[in-house]
N, C-alpha and C. Protein backbone atom coordinates (compact mmCIF):
# COMPACT_ATOMS: atom_id res chain seq x y z
N LYS A 1 62.04 -11.06 -18.65
CA LYS A 1 60.91 -11.13 -17.94
C LYS A 1 61.36 -9.99 -16.76
N GLN A 2 59.70 -10.20 -16.21
CA GLN A 2 59.62 -9.65 -14.93
C GLN A 2 60.43 -10.04 -13.60
N TRP A 3 60.61 -9.54 -12.76
CA TRP A 3 61.24 -10.16 -11.55
C TRP A 3 61.01 -9.65 -10.56
N TYR A 4 60.86 -10.33 -9.26
CA TYR A 4 60.59 -10.17 -7.63
C TYR A 4 61.69 -10.11 -6.70
N GLN A 5 62.25 -9.00 -5.72
CA GLN A 5 63.05 -9.41 -5.10
C GLN A 5 62.47 -9.30 -3.75
N ARG A 6 62.39 -10.08 -2.31
CA ARG A 6 62.29 -9.45 -1.49
C ARG A 6 62.61 -10.01 0.01
N ARG A 7 63.42 -9.36 0.81
CA ARG A 7 63.58 -10.04 1.88
C ARG A 7 62.43 -10.49 3.15
N VAL A 8 62.43 -11.41 3.50
CA VAL A 8 61.24 -11.82 4.79
C VAL A 8 62.16 -12.60 5.98
N ARG A 9 61.35 -12.44 6.64
CA ARG A 9 62.22 -13.26 8.40
C ARG A 9 61.97 -14.43 8.27
N GLY A 10 63.22 -14.97 8.42
CA GLY A 10 63.87 -16.78 8.51
C GLY A 10 64.64 -16.64 6.65
N VAL A 11 64.10 -15.91 5.96
CA VAL A 11 64.30 -16.31 4.47
C VAL A 11 65.07 -14.68 4.22
N GLN A 12 66.06 -14.88 3.78
CA GLN A 12 66.78 -13.86 3.34
C GLN A 12 66.59 -13.10 2.46
N ARG A 13 66.30 -13.98 0.93
CA ARG A 13 65.63 -13.35 -0.36
C ARG A 13 65.24 -14.29 -1.04
N VAL A 14 63.92 -13.52 -1.43
CA VAL A 14 63.19 -14.79 -2.25
C VAL A 14 63.19 -14.03 -3.96
N ASN A 15 63.29 -14.45 -4.72
CA ASN A 15 63.38 -14.34 -6.08
C ASN A 15 62.39 -14.89 -7.17
N SER A 16 61.48 -14.34 -7.59
CA SER A 16 60.41 -14.75 -8.47
C SER A 16 60.49 -14.07 -10.01
N ARG A 17 60.53 -15.35 -10.81
CA ARG A 17 60.17 -14.76 -12.17
C ARG A 17 59.44 -15.97 -13.26
N ASN A 18 59.15 -15.66 -14.36
CA ASN A 18 58.45 -16.45 -14.94
C ASN A 18 59.57 -16.20 -16.38
N ILE A 19 60.24 -17.65 -16.28
CA ILE A 19 61.19 -18.10 -17.75
C ILE A 19 60.68 -18.12 -18.81
N ASN A 20 59.42 -18.97 -19.04
CA ASN A 20 59.27 -18.82 -20.05
C ASN A 20 59.74 -20.18 -20.89
N HIS A 21 59.52 -21.22 -19.88
CA HIS A 21 60.31 -22.77 -20.22
C HIS A 21 61.81 -22.63 -20.08
N ILE A 22 62.35 -23.28 -19.40
CA ILE A 22 64.02 -23.36 -18.92
C ILE A 22 64.29 -23.59 -20.00
N ASN A 23 64.24 -24.54 -20.95
CA ASN A 23 64.93 -24.73 -22.18
C ASN A 23 64.73 -23.87 -23.11
N GLY A 24 64.77 -22.89 -23.21
CA GLY A 24 65.14 -21.47 -24.20
C GLY A 24 65.92 -21.81 -25.29
N ILE A 25 65.93 -20.85 -26.76
CA ILE A 25 66.52 -20.94 -27.88
C ILE A 25 67.81 -21.43 -27.43
N LEU A 26 68.54 -20.50 -26.57
CA LEU A 26 69.93 -20.64 -26.39
C LEU A 26 70.22 -22.00 -25.52
N GLY A 27 69.38 -22.58 -24.53
CA GLY A 27 69.73 -23.71 -24.67
C GLY A 27 68.91 -23.80 -22.88
N ASN A 28 69.54 -24.50 -22.26
CA ASN A 28 68.87 -24.87 -20.27
C ASN A 28 69.03 -23.33 -20.02
N LYS A 29 68.56 -22.96 -19.28
CA LYS A 29 69.09 -21.25 -19.10
C LYS A 29 69.56 -21.71 -17.74
N THR A 30 69.78 -22.76 -16.89
CA THR A 30 70.83 -22.78 -15.57
C THR A 30 71.83 -23.24 -16.09
N ASP A 31 72.34 -23.40 -17.28
CA ASP A 31 73.48 -23.50 -18.37
C ASP A 31 74.41 -22.10 -18.49
N ALA A 32 73.49 -20.84 -18.19
CA ALA A 32 73.86 -19.66 -18.88
C ALA A 32 74.75 -19.05 -17.48
N PRO A 33 75.80 -18.77 -17.72
CA PRO A 33 76.29 -17.88 -16.29
C PRO A 33 75.86 -16.58 -15.83
N ASP A 34 75.03 -15.87 -16.76
CA ASP A 34 74.11 -14.78 -16.17
C ASP A 34 72.89 -14.76 -15.75
N PHE A 35 72.16 -16.10 -16.34
CA PHE A 35 70.99 -16.39 -15.58
C PHE A 35 71.23 -17.06 -14.11
N VAL A 36 72.54 -17.82 -14.19
CA VAL A 36 72.11 -18.46 -12.58
C VAL A 36 73.41 -17.13 -12.05
N ASP A 37 73.79 -16.36 -12.37
CA ASP A 37 74.46 -15.49 -11.61
C ASP A 37 73.41 -13.95 -10.80
N ILE A 38 72.29 -13.90 -11.68
CA ILE A 38 71.17 -13.43 -11.07
C ILE A 38 70.18 -14.38 -10.26
N ILE A 39 69.84 -15.19 -10.20
CA ILE A 39 69.30 -16.38 -9.81
C ILE A 39 69.89 -17.02 -8.30
N SER A 40 71.12 -17.02 -8.40
CA SER A 40 71.82 -17.85 -7.92
C SER A 40 71.85 -17.16 -6.07
N PRO A 41 72.29 -16.11 -6.04
CA PRO A 41 72.08 -15.41 -4.42
C PRO A 41 70.99 -15.23 -3.70
N HIS A 42 69.91 -15.98 -4.04
CA HIS A 42 68.74 -16.04 -3.13
C HIS A 42 68.62 -17.13 -2.47
N ASP A 43 67.76 -17.04 -1.28
CA ASP A 43 67.44 -18.56 -0.72
C ASP A 43 66.50 -19.24 -0.98
N VAL A 44 65.09 -18.55 -2.02
CA VAL A 44 64.30 -18.89 -2.51
C VAL A 44 64.19 -18.74 -3.59
N ILE A 45 63.92 -19.28 -4.30
CA ILE A 45 63.87 -19.06 -6.01
C ILE A 45 62.22 -20.00 -6.65
N CYS A 46 61.38 -18.68 -6.86
CA CYS A 46 60.29 -19.07 -7.51
C CYS A 46 60.13 -18.80 -9.08
N LEU A 47 59.90 -20.36 -9.87
CA LEU A 47 59.62 -19.59 -10.92
C LEU A 47 58.64 -20.42 -11.91
N GLN A 48 58.45 -19.56 -12.46
CA GLN A 48 57.05 -20.03 -13.22
C GLN A 48 56.99 -19.77 -14.78
N GLU A 49 56.41 -20.93 -15.57
CA GLU A 49 55.97 -21.65 -17.36
C GLU A 49 57.42 -21.96 -16.94
N THR A 50 57.92 -22.89 -16.18
CA THR A 50 59.32 -24.06 -16.23
C THR A 50 59.05 -24.56 -17.80
N GLY A 51 58.02 -25.08 -17.62
CA GLY A 51 57.98 -26.61 -18.88
C GLY A 51 58.40 -27.98 -18.32
N HIS A 52 59.71 -27.63 -17.17
CA HIS A 52 60.12 -29.33 -16.72
C HIS A 52 60.65 -28.90 -15.17
N GLU A 53 61.01 -29.72 -14.66
CA GLU A 53 61.65 -29.35 -13.48
C GLU A 53 63.09 -28.93 -13.42
N VAL A 54 63.25 -27.75 -12.91
CA VAL A 54 64.67 -27.24 -12.95
C VAL A 54 65.49 -27.43 -11.74
N GLN A 55 66.42 -28.13 -11.73
CA GLN A 55 67.55 -28.28 -11.30
C GLN A 55 69.00 -27.21 -10.90
N LEU A 56 69.39 -26.90 -9.85
CA LEU A 56 70.25 -25.98 -9.89
C LEU A 56 71.44 -26.72 -8.65
N SER A 57 72.46 -26.15 -8.68
CA SER A 57 73.20 -26.72 -8.17
C SER A 57 73.46 -25.98 -6.56
N GLY A 58 73.32 -26.41 -5.33
CA GLY A 58 73.17 -25.43 -3.72
C GLY A 58 71.64 -25.67 -3.54
N PHE A 59 70.43 -26.46 -4.22
CA PHE A 59 69.27 -26.36 -4.22
C PHE A 59 68.57 -27.22 -4.10
N LYS A 60 67.56 -27.18 -3.29
CA LYS A 60 66.42 -28.33 -3.39
C LYS A 60 65.47 -28.17 -4.68
N SER A 61 65.01 -29.07 -5.47
CA SER A 61 63.70 -28.46 -6.57
C SER A 61 62.54 -28.73 -5.82
N PHE A 62 61.53 -28.45 -5.64
CA PHE A 62 60.42 -28.52 -5.39
C PHE A 62 59.26 -28.24 -7.09
N SER A 63 58.58 -29.08 -7.51
CA SER A 63 57.59 -28.35 -9.33
C SER A 63 56.62 -29.02 -8.91
N ASP A 64 55.40 -28.63 -9.94
CA ASP A 64 54.58 -28.48 -10.10
C ASP A 64 54.35 -28.62 -11.41
N ILE A 65 54.58 -29.38 -12.34
CA ILE A 65 54.94 -29.72 -14.30
C ILE A 65 53.62 -29.71 -14.73
N ARG A 66 52.89 -28.95 -15.82
CA ARG A 66 51.88 -29.90 -16.03
C ARG A 66 52.15 -30.95 -16.92
N LYS A 67 50.54 -31.61 -16.56
CA LYS A 67 51.14 -33.29 -17.39
C LYS A 67 50.78 -33.08 -18.72
N THR A 68 50.41 -32.57 -19.28
CA THR A 68 49.73 -32.25 -21.24
C THR A 68 49.75 -31.27 -21.32
N GLY A 69 50.58 -31.07 -22.65
CA GLY A 69 51.00 -30.03 -23.33
C GLY A 69 51.94 -29.36 -23.07
N ARG A 70 52.60 -27.99 -23.66
CA ARG A 70 54.32 -27.58 -23.11
C ARG A 70 53.72 -25.93 -22.31
N GLY A 71 55.09 -25.57 -21.93
CA GLY A 71 54.97 -24.70 -21.04
C GLY A 71 54.25 -25.12 -19.89
N GLY A 72 53.88 -23.83 -19.12
CA GLY A 72 53.32 -23.61 -18.04
C GLY A 72 54.16 -24.78 -16.49
N GLY A 73 53.86 -24.63 -15.70
CA GLY A 73 54.69 -25.54 -14.36
C GLY A 73 55.31 -24.60 -13.46
N VAL A 74 55.73 -24.81 -12.63
CA VAL A 74 56.78 -24.30 -11.51
C VAL A 74 57.61 -24.98 -10.89
N THR A 75 58.38 -24.25 -10.84
CA THR A 75 59.63 -24.97 -9.54
C THR A 75 60.19 -23.65 -8.91
N THR A 76 59.71 -24.78 -7.47
CA THR A 76 60.58 -23.80 -6.08
C THR A 76 61.84 -23.97 -5.79
N LEU A 77 62.58 -23.02 -5.67
CA LEU A 77 64.07 -23.57 -5.18
C LEU A 77 64.33 -23.19 -3.90
N ILE A 78 64.76 -24.27 -2.99
CA ILE A 78 64.97 -23.65 -1.84
C ILE A 78 66.59 -24.25 -1.62
N ARG A 79 67.80 -23.47 -1.00
CA ARG A 79 69.00 -23.28 -0.80
C ARG A 79 69.04 -24.47 0.17
N GLU A 80 69.89 -25.33 0.27
CA GLU A 80 69.80 -26.20 0.70
C GLU A 80 70.46 -26.28 1.98
N HIS A 81 70.74 -25.42 3.28
CA HIS A 81 70.88 -24.63 4.01
C HIS A 81 69.26 -24.58 5.11
N LEU A 82 68.45 -24.37 3.97
CA LEU A 82 67.04 -24.19 4.41
C LEU A 82 66.02 -25.33 4.69
N VAL A 83 66.72 -26.74 4.05
CA VAL A 83 66.07 -27.45 3.36
C VAL A 83 65.61 -28.40 4.97
N GLY A 84 66.35 -28.44 5.56
CA GLY A 84 65.84 -29.12 7.31
C GLY A 84 64.76 -28.17 7.85
N HIS A 85 64.64 -26.98 6.95
CA HIS A 85 63.43 -26.16 7.85
C HIS A 85 62.10 -26.16 6.85
N SER A 86 62.44 -26.83 5.63
CA SER A 86 61.16 -26.55 4.92
C SER A 86 60.25 -27.81 4.46
N THR A 87 59.06 -27.60 4.52
CA THR A 87 58.81 -28.56 4.08
C THR A 87 57.76 -28.12 3.25
N ASN A 88 57.44 -29.28 1.96
CA ASN A 88 56.20 -29.33 0.84
C ASN A 88 55.03 -29.33 1.07
N ILE A 89 54.19 -28.27 1.22
CA ILE A 89 52.70 -28.38 1.10
C ILE A 89 52.14 -29.04 0.53
N ILE A 90 51.76 -30.07 0.33
CA ILE A 90 50.83 -30.90 -0.94
C ILE A 90 49.44 -31.18 -0.62
N ARG A 91 49.05 -30.38 -1.83
CA ARG A 91 47.30 -30.56 -1.46
C ARG A 91 46.86 -30.83 -2.83
N ALA A 92 45.88 -31.78 -2.99
CA ALA A 92 45.25 -32.21 -4.14
C ALA A 92 44.54 -30.95 -4.84
N ILE A 93 45.09 -30.82 -6.35
CA ILE A 93 44.38 -29.68 -7.11
C ILE A 93 42.79 -30.54 -7.47
N PRO A 94 41.89 -30.01 -7.58
CA PRO A 94 40.63 -30.54 -8.08
C PRO A 94 40.76 -30.36 -9.81
N ASP A 95 39.87 -31.30 -10.08
CA ASP A 95 40.35 -31.34 -11.08
C ASP A 95 39.37 -30.78 -12.40
N GLU A 96 38.87 -29.79 -11.99
CA GLU A 96 38.84 -28.36 -12.27
C GLU A 96 39.42 -27.17 -12.45
N CYS A 97 40.59 -27.67 -12.29
CA CYS A 97 41.75 -26.74 -12.04
C CYS A 97 42.51 -27.07 -12.69
N SER A 98 43.44 -25.71 -13.41
CA SER A 98 44.73 -26.42 -14.67
C SER A 98 45.96 -25.23 -13.92
N LEU A 99 46.11 -24.53 -12.54
CA LEU A 99 46.86 -24.00 -12.01
C LEU A 99 47.91 -25.20 -11.88
N ASN A 100 49.06 -24.16 -12.05
CA ASN A 100 50.43 -25.37 -11.26
C ASN A 100 50.96 -24.45 -9.86
N ILE A 101 51.01 -25.05 -8.69
CA ILE A 101 50.93 -24.52 -7.57
C ILE A 101 52.13 -25.52 -7.02
N VAL A 102 53.19 -24.64 -6.03
CA VAL A 102 53.82 -25.21 -4.67
C VAL A 102 53.91 -24.68 -3.75
N VAL A 103 53.46 -24.75 -2.72
CA VAL A 103 53.48 -24.03 -0.84
C VAL A 103 54.38 -25.20 -0.06
N ILE A 104 55.57 -23.95 0.09
CA ILE A 104 56.77 -24.58 1.01
C ILE A 104 56.47 -23.58 2.57
N LYS A 105 56.61 -24.25 3.15
CA LYS A 105 56.68 -23.86 4.55
C LYS A 105 57.91 -23.89 5.44
N VAL A 106 58.44 -22.56 5.42
CA VAL A 106 59.90 -22.02 5.83
C VAL A 106 59.97 -22.26 7.16
N LEU A 107 60.26 -23.16 8.56
CA LEU A 107 60.50 -22.30 9.75
C LEU A 107 61.81 -21.21 9.87
N ASP A 108 61.43 -20.61 10.61
CA ASP A 108 62.46 -19.77 10.95
C ASP A 108 62.79 -20.15 12.63
N ALA A 109 64.21 -20.59 12.68
CA ALA A 109 64.50 -21.62 13.64
C ALA A 109 64.64 -21.04 14.88
N THR A 110 65.09 -19.20 14.91
CA THR A 110 65.22 -18.34 15.64
C THR A 110 63.92 -18.20 16.59
N THR A 111 62.99 -17.86 15.76
CA THR A 111 61.87 -17.06 16.25
C THR A 111 60.24 -18.69 16.14
N GLY A 112 60.45 -19.55 15.70
CA GLY A 112 59.79 -20.55 15.60
C GLY A 112 58.51 -20.25 14.91
N PHE A 113 58.52 -18.96 14.29
CA PHE A 113 57.45 -18.59 13.33
C PHE A 113 57.50 -19.17 11.75
N ASN A 114 57.11 -19.37 10.86
CA ASN A 114 56.96 -19.54 9.39
C ASN A 114 56.69 -19.02 8.73
N THR A 115 57.58 -18.70 7.52
CA THR A 115 57.15 -17.99 6.45
C THR A 115 56.70 -19.22 5.26
N TYR A 116 55.25 -19.15 4.82
CA TYR A 116 54.75 -19.73 3.68
C TYR A 116 55.25 -19.14 1.90
N VAL A 117 56.04 -19.84 1.09
CA VAL A 117 56.23 -19.22 0.07
C VAL A 117 55.46 -19.86 -0.78
N VAL A 118 54.23 -19.24 -1.81
CA VAL A 118 53.23 -19.95 -2.79
C VAL A 118 54.11 -19.72 -4.00
N ASN A 119 53.95 -20.38 -5.02
CA ASN A 119 54.04 -20.60 -6.02
C ASN A 119 53.60 -20.92 -6.99
N CYS A 120 52.98 -20.12 -8.10
CA CYS A 120 51.88 -20.42 -8.98
C CYS A 120 51.37 -19.87 -10.22
N TYR A 121 51.28 -20.58 -11.07
CA TYR A 121 51.18 -20.32 -12.36
C TYR A 121 49.95 -20.67 -12.80
N ILE A 122 49.29 -19.63 -13.42
CA ILE A 122 47.47 -19.91 -13.56
C ILE A 122 47.17 -19.06 -15.38
N PRO A 123 47.01 -20.31 -16.04
CA PRO A 123 47.02 -20.29 -17.13
C PRO A 123 46.08 -19.07 -17.84
N PRO A 124 46.43 -18.72 -19.45
CA PRO A 124 45.17 -18.14 -19.88
C PRO A 124 44.22 -18.50 -19.75
N ALA A 125 42.85 -17.67 -19.84
CA ALA A 125 41.64 -18.37 -20.15
C ALA A 125 41.57 -18.64 -21.41
N ASN A 126 41.75 -18.38 -22.37
CA ASN A 126 41.61 -18.77 -23.39
C ASN A 126 42.64 -19.44 -24.01
N SER A 127 43.68 -20.12 -23.25
CA SER A 127 44.61 -21.45 -23.84
C SER A 127 44.45 -22.27 -24.13
N ILE A 128 43.83 -22.38 -25.35
CA ILE A 128 43.96 -23.59 -25.98
C ILE A 128 44.38 -25.29 -25.18
N ARG A 129 45.55 -24.92 -24.44
CA ARG A 129 46.72 -25.92 -24.57
C ARG A 129 46.35 -27.03 -23.58
N LYS A 130 45.49 -26.17 -22.60
CA LYS A 130 45.18 -26.61 -21.42
C LYS A 130 43.96 -27.93 -21.08
N GLY A 131 43.50 -28.05 -22.19
CA GLY A 131 42.51 -29.21 -22.66
C GLY A 131 40.88 -28.52 -21.46
N ALA A 132 40.10 -29.21 -21.40
CA ALA A 132 38.73 -29.02 -20.61
C ALA A 132 38.91 -28.48 -19.37
N ASN A 133 39.88 -28.31 -18.71
CA ASN A 133 39.68 -28.23 -17.13
C ASN A 133 40.50 -26.88 -17.30
N ASN A 134 40.10 -26.29 -17.83
CA ASN A 134 40.75 -24.75 -17.41
C ASN A 134 39.98 -24.25 -17.64
N ASN A 135 39.31 -23.64 -16.01
CA ASN A 135 38.59 -22.86 -15.70
C ASN A 135 39.16 -21.63 -14.83
N PRO A 136 39.26 -20.50 -15.16
CA PRO A 136 39.94 -19.95 -14.49
C PRO A 136 39.11 -19.37 -13.11
N ALA A 137 37.87 -19.11 -12.97
CA ALA A 137 37.67 -19.14 -11.77
C ALA A 137 37.19 -19.73 -10.56
N ALA A 138 37.66 -21.22 -10.92
CA ALA A 138 37.84 -22.24 -10.24
C ALA A 138 39.29 -22.40 -9.33
N ASN A 139 40.34 -21.78 -10.51
CA ASN A 139 41.90 -21.75 -10.06
C ASN A 139 41.82 -20.69 -9.28
N PHE A 140 41.28 -19.41 -9.26
CA PHE A 140 41.56 -18.07 -8.59
C PHE A 140 41.33 -18.89 -6.83
N ASP A 141 39.44 -19.49 -6.97
CA ASP A 141 38.91 -20.35 -5.61
C ASP A 141 39.69 -20.81 -4.73
N PHE A 142 40.52 -22.02 -5.79
CA PHE A 142 41.56 -22.80 -5.27
C PHE A 142 43.04 -21.87 -4.55
N LEU A 143 43.42 -20.89 -5.07
CA LEU A 143 44.21 -19.94 -4.78
C LEU A 143 44.17 -19.39 -3.58
N GLN A 144 42.82 -18.82 -3.59
CA GLN A 144 42.21 -18.05 -2.85
C GLN A 144 42.08 -18.82 -1.13
N ASP A 145 41.35 -20.08 -1.35
CA ASP A 145 41.43 -20.99 -0.41
C ASP A 145 42.83 -21.14 0.44
N ILE A 146 43.93 -21.91 -0.88
CA ILE A 146 44.91 -21.61 -0.04
C ILE A 146 45.49 -20.57 0.87
N LEU A 147 45.56 -19.71 0.20
CA LEU A 147 46.34 -18.19 1.02
C LEU A 147 45.06 -18.19 2.06
N ASN A 148 43.80 -18.36 2.08
CA ASN A 148 43.27 -18.23 3.33
C ASN A 148 43.57 -19.18 4.60
N ASN A 149 43.90 -20.33 4.29
CA ASN A 149 43.94 -21.04 4.96
C ASN A 149 45.61 -21.86 5.32
N VAL A 150 46.68 -21.48 5.12
CA VAL A 150 47.49 -22.16 4.78
C VAL A 150 48.56 -21.93 6.04
N LYS A 151 48.36 -20.40 6.43
CA LYS A 151 49.52 -19.89 7.98
C LYS A 151 48.45 -21.08 9.07
N ASP A 152 49.93 -21.59 9.74
CA ASP A 152 49.22 -21.74 10.73
C ASP A 152 49.29 -21.11 12.23
N ASP A 153 49.89 -19.55 12.27
CA ASP A 153 49.78 -18.67 13.22
C ASP A 153 49.37 -17.37 12.24
N PRO A 154 48.31 -16.92 11.91
CA PRO A 154 47.75 -16.13 11.01
C PRO A 154 48.49 -14.71 11.42
N VAL A 155 48.71 -14.38 12.86
CA VAL A 155 49.12 -13.45 13.32
C VAL A 155 50.43 -12.98 12.85
N ASN A 156 51.48 -14.19 13.29
CA ASN A 156 52.85 -14.22 13.17
C ASN A 156 53.63 -14.56 11.94
N ASP A 157 52.68 -15.50 11.33
CA ASP A 157 53.30 -16.62 10.12
C ASP A 157 53.51 -15.07 8.92
N GLU A 158 54.52 -15.23 8.14
CA GLU A 158 54.38 -14.54 6.76
C GLU A 158 54.06 -15.42 5.79
N LEU A 159 53.33 -14.58 4.74
CA LEU A 159 53.09 -15.42 3.54
C LEU A 159 54.00 -14.71 2.49
N VAL A 160 54.42 -15.21 1.50
CA VAL A 160 55.02 -14.51 0.63
C VAL A 160 54.82 -15.32 -0.97
N LEU A 161 53.49 -14.62 -1.69
CA LEU A 161 52.70 -15.01 -3.10
C LEU A 161 53.86 -14.72 -4.12
N CYS A 162 53.68 -15.69 -4.93
CA CYS A 162 54.71 -15.43 -5.87
C CYS A 162 54.12 -16.34 -7.46
N VAL A 163 53.73 -15.18 -7.62
CA VAL A 163 52.27 -15.77 -8.82
C VAL A 163 52.49 -15.05 -10.65
N ASP A 164 52.08 -15.86 -11.62
CA ASP A 164 52.32 -15.53 -12.53
C ASP A 164 50.38 -15.67 -12.63
N THR A 165 49.76 -14.27 -12.89
CA THR A 165 47.91 -14.73 -13.32
C THR A 165 47.85 -13.90 -14.78
N THR A 166 48.39 -14.89 -15.26
CA THR A 166 47.95 -14.27 -17.05
C THR A 166 46.56 -15.09 -17.55
N ALA A 167 45.80 -15.13 -16.41
CA ALA A 167 44.51 -15.34 -16.89
C ALA A 167 43.64 -14.56 -17.11
């Protein structure tokens, strides 16, 4: 699967990947040393299509898991030393949306500025597993609203967007 890595102020390394369900054919991916070796050096790990909440030693887990069907879901893992500087920003997702989203604010204690990490999965428009509330336009409108309004300081705060848009 594709992955992304970036250094941002206050958060040394961010990794994002679509893992296509944490419990693969060979078992739980967090039990696979190769997988753990790839993701564990990062401070923030954004996983899409987890299917379940993901736990990894040394990290705190923030998840939004699909309530019906299988697949979907996102988990953001924050390295334990950053947890005291991190806040999970919870917003109610409108009924017409079927996306999964976690937004974490990480304070850089040195500068006082924030890094906002947005981890989002938007299901395909033709997905039959999502039920009646799969509205791609509403999903993108909701995500755009978050991106436009999440930062406390629009000039100095940073935004990292980790998203799987299969819609």
